[in-house]
């Protein structure tokens, strides 16, 4: 998965509430249209609603860190302060 793919998914989730809810409740089905591996889908499955809400409130720099953390699956960085 590339950073652009993550950014595209997260940008869509930010602008499409229905997609965001579906992504958080059923990521495997919701993200099927993206060419993601099972491990990559699992990374999205690990996101909580609080993680995503933090992303929505984050600065552009924090969002980039969040996306990179998701790409690298560094759970300690997923919490945006």
C-alpha atoms as a PDB file:
ATOM      1  CA  UNK A   1       0.000   0.000   0.000  1.00  0.00           C
ATOM      2  CA  UNK A   2       1.325   3.410  -0.847  1.00  0.00           C
ATOM      3  CA  UNK A   3       0.936   6.596   1.124  1.00  0.00           C
ATOM      4  CA  UNK A   4      -1.190   7.924  -1.766  1.00  0.00           C
ATOM      5  CA  UNK A   5      -3.588   4.985  -1.332  1.00  0.00           C
ATOM      6  CA  UNK A   6      -3.912   5.628   2.395  1.00  0.00           C
ATOM      7  CA  UNK A   7      -4.343   9.332   1.781  1.00  0.00           C
ATOM      8  CA  UNK A   8      -7.045   8.640  -0.809  1.00  0.00           C
ATOM      9  CA  UNK A   9      -8.959   6.342   1.535  1.00  0.00           C
ATOM     10  CA  UNK A  10      -8.709   8.720   4.494  1.00  0.00           C
ATOM     11  CA  UNK A  11      -9.614  11.763   2.372  1.00  0.00           C
ATOM     12  CA  UNK A  12     -12.679   9.940   1.099  1.00  0.00           C
ATOM     13  CA  UNK A  13     -13.650   8.961   4.628  1.00  0.00           C
ATOM     14  CA  UNK A  14     -13.327  12.586   5.733  1.00  0.00           C
ATOM     15  CA  UNK A  15     -15.594  13.863   2.968  1.00  0.00           C
ATOM     16  CA  UNK A  16     -18.083  10.970   2.881  1.00  0.00           C
ATOM     17  CA  UNK A  17     -19.619  10.197   6.274  1.00  0.00           C
ATOM     18  CA  UNK A  18     -21.330   7.052   5.006  1.00  0.00           C
ATOM     19  CA  UNK A  19     -18.026   5.691   3.695  1.00  0.00           C
ATOM     20  CA  UNK A  20     -16.311   6.545   7.002  1.00  0.00           C
ATOM     21  CA  UNK A  21     -18.916   4.669   9.036  1.00  0.00           C
ATOM     22  CA  UNK A  22     -18.729   1.685   6.701  1.00  0.00           C
ATOM     23  CA  UNK A  23     -14.920   1.731   6.782  1.00  0.00           C
ATOM     24  CA  UNK A  24     -14.919   1.667  10.582  1.00  0.00           C
ATOM     25  CA  UNK A  25     -17.626  -0.992  10.934  1.00  0.00           C
ATOM     26  CA  UNK A  26     -16.771  -3.279   8.010  1.00  0.00           C
ATOM     27  CA  UNK A  27     -13.383  -2.352   6.554  1.00  0.00           C
ATOM     28  CA  UNK A  28     -12.887  -5.594   4.636  1.00  0.00           C
ATOM     29  CA  UNK A  29     -16.028  -5.110   2.531  1.00  0.00           C
ATOM     30  CA  UNK A  30     -15.805  -1.320   2.339  1.00  0.00           C
ATOM     31  CA  UNK A  31     -12.196  -1.319   1.145  1.00  0.00           C
ATOM     32  CA  UNK A  32     -12.696  -4.157  -1.362  1.00  0.00           C
ATOM     33  CA  UNK A  33     -12.614  -1.691  -4.262  1.00  0.00           C
ATOM     34  CA  UNK A  34      -9.046  -0.769  -3.311  1.00  0.00           C
ATOM     35  CA  UNK A  35      -6.226  -3.137  -4.165  1.00  0.00           C
ATOM     36  CA  UNK A  36      -5.200  -3.870  -0.571  1.00  0.00           C
ATOM     37  CA  UNK A  37      -3.620  -6.988   0.873  1.00  0.00           C
ATOM     38  CA  UNK A  38      -5.182  -8.766   3.842  1.00  0.00           C
ATOM     39  CA  UNK A  39      -2.505  -7.204   6.081  1.00  0.00           C
ATOM     40  CA  UNK A  40      -3.343  -3.724   4.800  1.00  0.00           C
ATOM     41  CA  UNK A  41      -7.046  -4.247   5.441  1.00  0.00           C
ATOM     42  CA  UNK A  42      -6.136  -5.475   8.933  1.00  0.00           C
ATOM     43  CA  UNK A  43      -4.382  -2.160   9.522  1.00  0.00           C
ATOM     44  CA  UNK A  44      -7.623  -0.338   8.768  1.00  0.00           C
ATOM     45  CA  UNK A  45      -9.505  -2.834  10.938  1.00  0.00           C
ATOM     46  CA  UNK A  46      -7.276  -1.783  13.837  1.00  0.00           C
ATOM     47  CA  UNK A  47      -8.513   1.822  13.610  1.00  0.00           C
ATOM     48  CA  UNK A  48     -10.970   2.880  16.255  1.00  0.00           C
ATOM     49  CA  UNK A  49     -13.570   5.598  15.910  1.00  0.00           C
ATOM     50  CA  UNK A  50     -11.430   7.688  18.305  1.00  0.00           C
ATOM     51  CA  UNK A  51      -8.406   7.250  16.024  1.00  0.00           C
ATOM     52  CA  UNK A  52     -10.401   8.462  13.039  1.00  0.00           C
ATOM     53  CA  UNK A  53     -11.972  11.360  14.935  1.00  0.00           C
ATOM     54  CA  UNK A  54      -8.496  12.400  16.032  1.00  0.00           C
ATOM     55  CA  UNK A  55      -7.392  12.291  12.408  1.00  0.00           C
ATOM     56  CA  UNK A  56     -10.299  14.537  11.414  1.00  0.00           C
ATOM     57  CA  UNK A  57      -9.277  17.140  14.005  1.00  0.00           C
ATOM     58  CA  UNK A  58      -5.560  16.952  13.243  1.00  0.00           C
ATOM     59  CA  UNK A  59      -3.374  19.480  11.495  1.00  0.00           C
ATOM     60  CA  UNK A  60      -2.029  18.598   8.032  1.00  0.00           C
ATOM     61  CA  UNK A  61       1.315  17.627   9.586  1.00  0.00           C
ATOM     62  CA  UNK A  62      -0.389  15.346  12.114  1.00  0.00           C
ATOM     63  CA  UNK A  63      -2.494  13.794   9.349  1.00  0.00           C
ATOM     64  CA  UNK A  64       0.634  12.986   7.388  1.00  0.00           C
ATOM     65  CA  UNK A  65       2.149  11.349  10.481  1.00  0.00           C
ATOM     66  CA  UNK A  66      -1.086   9.417  11.011  1.00  0.00           C
ATOM     67  CA  UNK A  67      -1.058   8.176   7.403  1.00  0.00           C
ATOM     68  CA  UNK A  68       2.590   7.197   7.616  1.00  0.00           C
ATOM     69  CA  UNK A  69       1.944   5.409  10.903  1.00  0.00           C
ATOM     70  CA  UNK A  70      -0.890   3.498   9.280  1.00  0.00           C
ATOM     71  CA  UNK A  71       1.376   2.633   6.374  1.00  0.00           C
ATOM     72  CA  UNK A  72       4.046   1.409   8.788  1.00  0.00           C
ATOM     73  CA  UNK A  73       1.480  -0.011  11.210  1.00  0.00           C
ATOM     74  CA  UNK A  74       3.082   1.763  14.143  1.00  0.00           C
ATOM     75  CA  UNK A  75       0.209   1.625  16.616  1.00  0.00           C
ATOM     76  CA  UNK A  76       1.857   4.073  18.994  1.00  0.00           C
ATOM     77  CA  UNK A  77       1.630   6.810  16.346  1.00  0.00           C
ATOM     78  CA  UNK A  78      -2.020   6.235  15.480  1.00  0.00           C
ATOM     79  CA  UNK A  79      -3.202   8.307  18.398  1.00  0.00           C
ATOM     80  CA  UNK A  80      -3.234  11.887  17.177  1.00  0.00           C
ATOM     81  CA  UNK A  81      -2.958  14.313  20.060  1.00  0.00           C
END
